[in-house]
Amino acid sequence: MRISRKGTRRERGASAVEYALIAAFVAGAIMVTVTVFGSSVAALFGADWPF
């Protein structure tokens, strides 16, 4: 019997779901960071920055 080194279709689908969850977590972390620190960072640069 020959053993394949590549994952099965089910395993590849699982890794795609895992990458989507990681991307969603990173996007959520960015949104939380901008929400929490956005006003304080904007205050450092002045009210009319960057315009």
N, C-alpha and C. Protein backbone atom coordinates (compact mmCIF):
# COMPACT_ATOMS: atom_id res chain seq x y z
N MET A 1 0.84 -1.16 0.00
CA MET A 1 0.00 0.00 0.00
C MET A 1 0.90 1.24 0.00
N ARG A 2 0.50 2.22 -0.78
CA ARG A 2 1.28 3.44 -0.90
C ARG A 2 0.72 4.50 0.05
N ILE A 3 1.60 5.14 0.82
CA ILE A 3 1.19 6.17 1.76
C ILE A 3 1.50 7.54 1.16
N SER A 4 0.48 8.35 1.07
CA SER A 4 0.65 9.69 0.51
C SER A 4 1.08 10.66 1.60
N ARG A 5 1.96 11.58 1.24
CA ARG A 5 2.40 12.58 2.21
C ARG A 5 1.48 13.79 2.23
N LYS A 6 0.72 13.97 1.20
CA LYS A 6 -0.20 15.10 1.15
C LYS A 6 -1.43 14.81 1.99
N GLY A 7 -2.03 15.87 2.54
CA GLY A 7 -3.22 15.69 3.35
C GLY A 7 -4.41 15.33 2.48
N THR A 8 -5.38 14.75 3.10
CA THR A 8 -6.59 14.43 2.37
C THR A 8 -7.40 15.70 2.16
N ARG A 9 -8.43 15.61 1.38
CA ARG A 9 -9.27 16.77 1.12
C ARG A 9 -9.89 17.30 2.42
N ARG A 10 -10.25 16.41 3.31
CA ARG A 10 -10.84 16.81 4.59
C ARG A 10 -9.82 17.59 5.42
N GLU A 11 -8.57 17.16 5.44
CA GLU A 11 -7.53 17.86 6.20
C GLU A 11 -7.23 19.22 5.61
N ARG A 12 -7.24 19.33 4.30
CA ARG A 12 -7.00 20.63 3.67
C ARG A 12 -8.14 21.59 3.97
N GLY A 13 -9.36 21.08 4.01
CA GLY A 13 -10.49 21.92 4.36
C GLY A 13 -10.40 22.40 5.79
N ALA A 14 -9.93 21.56 6.66
CA ALA A 14 -9.77 21.95 8.06
C ALA A 14 -8.73 23.04 8.19
N SER A 15 -7.65 22.95 7.44
CA SER A 15 -6.64 23.98 7.55
C SER A 15 -7.15 25.31 7.00
N ALA A 16 -8.01 25.28 6.00
CA ALA A 16 -8.59 26.51 5.48
C ALA A 16 -9.48 27.17 6.53
N VAL A 17 -10.22 26.36 7.27
CA VAL A 17 -11.05 26.89 8.35
C VAL A 17 -10.17 27.47 9.44
N GLU A 18 -9.07 26.81 9.74
CA GLU A 18 -8.15 27.32 10.76
C GLU A 18 -7.55 28.65 10.34
N TYR A 19 -7.16 28.80 9.08
CA TYR A 19 -6.62 30.07 8.59
C TYR A 19 -7.68 31.16 8.65
N ALA A 20 -8.92 30.83 8.35
CA ALA A 20 -10.00 31.82 8.43
C ALA A 20 -10.22 32.26 9.87
N LEU A 21 -10.15 31.33 10.81
CA LEU A 21 -10.29 31.70 12.23
C LEU A 21 -9.15 32.58 12.70
N ILE A 22 -7.94 32.28 12.26
CA ILE A 22 -6.79 33.11 12.62
C ILE A 22 -6.95 34.51 12.04
N ALA A 23 -7.37 34.61 10.78
CA ALA A 23 -7.57 35.91 10.16
C ALA A 23 -8.66 36.70 10.87
N ALA A 24 -9.73 36.04 11.27
CA ALA A 24 -10.80 36.72 12.00
C ALA A 24 -10.31 37.19 13.37
N PHE A 25 -9.50 36.39 14.03
CA PHE A 25 -8.96 36.78 15.33
C PHE A 25 -8.04 37.99 15.19
N VAL A 26 -7.19 38.00 14.18
CA VAL A 26 -6.28 39.13 13.96
C VAL A 26 -7.08 40.39 13.64
N ALA A 27 -8.09 40.27 12.79
CA ALA A 27 -8.93 41.43 12.46
C ALA A 27 -9.64 41.95 13.70
N GLY A 28 -10.15 41.07 14.53
CA GLY A 28 -10.80 41.48 15.76
C GLY A 28 -9.83 42.16 16.72
N ALA A 29 -8.62 41.64 16.82
CA ALA A 29 -7.62 42.25 17.69
C ALA A 29 -7.25 43.64 17.20
N ILE A 30 -7.16 43.82 15.89
CA ILE A 30 -6.87 45.15 15.34
C ILE A 30 -8.00 46.11 15.64
N MET A 31 -9.24 45.67 15.48
CA MET A 31 -10.38 46.55 15.75
C MET A 31 -10.43 46.95 17.22
N VAL A 32 -10.17 46.00 18.12
CA VAL A 32 -10.17 46.32 19.54
C VAL A 32 -9.04 47.29 19.88
N THR A 33 -7.87 47.09 19.31
CA THR A 33 -6.73 47.96 19.57
C THR A 33 -7.00 49.38 19.09
N VAL A 34 -7.56 49.51 17.89
CA VAL A 34 -7.86 50.84 17.35
C VAL A 34 -8.93 51.52 18.20
N THR A 35 -9.92 50.77 18.63
CA THR A 35 -10.98 51.34 19.46
C THR A 35 -10.44 51.81 20.80
N VAL A 36 -9.59 51.00 21.43
CA VAL A 36 -9.09 51.33 22.75
C VAL A 36 -8.06 52.47 22.70
N PHE A 37 -7.12 52.40 21.76
CA PHE A 37 -6.02 53.35 21.73
C PHE A 37 -6.16 54.44 20.67
N GLY A 38 -7.20 54.39 19.87
CA GLY A 38 -7.35 55.34 18.77
C GLY A 38 -7.41 56.78 19.19
N SER A 39 -8.21 57.09 20.19
CA SER A 39 -8.36 58.48 20.60
C SER A 39 -7.08 59.01 21.25
N SER A 40 -6.39 58.19 22.01
CA SER A 40 -5.15 58.65 22.64
C SER A 40 -4.04 58.86 21.61
N VAL A 41 -3.98 58.03 20.60
CA VAL A 41 -2.99 58.21 19.54
C VAL A 41 -3.33 59.44 18.70
N ALA A 42 -4.60 59.66 18.43
CA ALA A 42 -5.02 60.85 17.68
C ALA A 42 -4.68 62.11 18.46
N ALA A 43 -4.78 62.07 19.78
CA ALA A 43 -4.45 63.24 20.60
C ALA A 43 -2.96 63.56 20.53
N LEU A 44 -2.12 62.55 20.33
CA LEU A 44 -0.68 62.80 20.21
C LEU A 44 -0.36 63.63 18.97
N PHE A 45 -1.10 63.42 17.91
CA PHE A 45 -0.80 64.08 16.65
C PHE A 45 -1.63 65.35 16.43
N GLY A 46 -2.54 65.62 17.28
CA GLY A 46 -3.39 66.80 17.12
C GLY A 46 -4.72 66.45 16.49
N ALA A 47 -5.69 67.33 16.66
CA ALA A 47 -7.05 67.04 16.22
C ALA A 47 -7.18 67.01 14.71
N ASP A 48 -6.37 67.79 13.97
CA ASP A 48 -6.55 67.87 12.52
C ASP A 48 -5.53 67.03 11.75
N TRP A 49 -4.86 66.11 12.40
CA TRP A 49 -3.93 65.25 11.70
C TRP A 49 -4.67 64.10 11.06
N PRO A 50 -4.42 63.67 9.87
CA PRO A 50 -3.38 64.03 8.91
C PRO A 50 -3.82 65.09 7.90
N PHE A 51 -4.96 65.68 8.08
CA PHE A 51 -5.45 66.64 7.08
C PHE A 51 -5.05 68.05 7.41
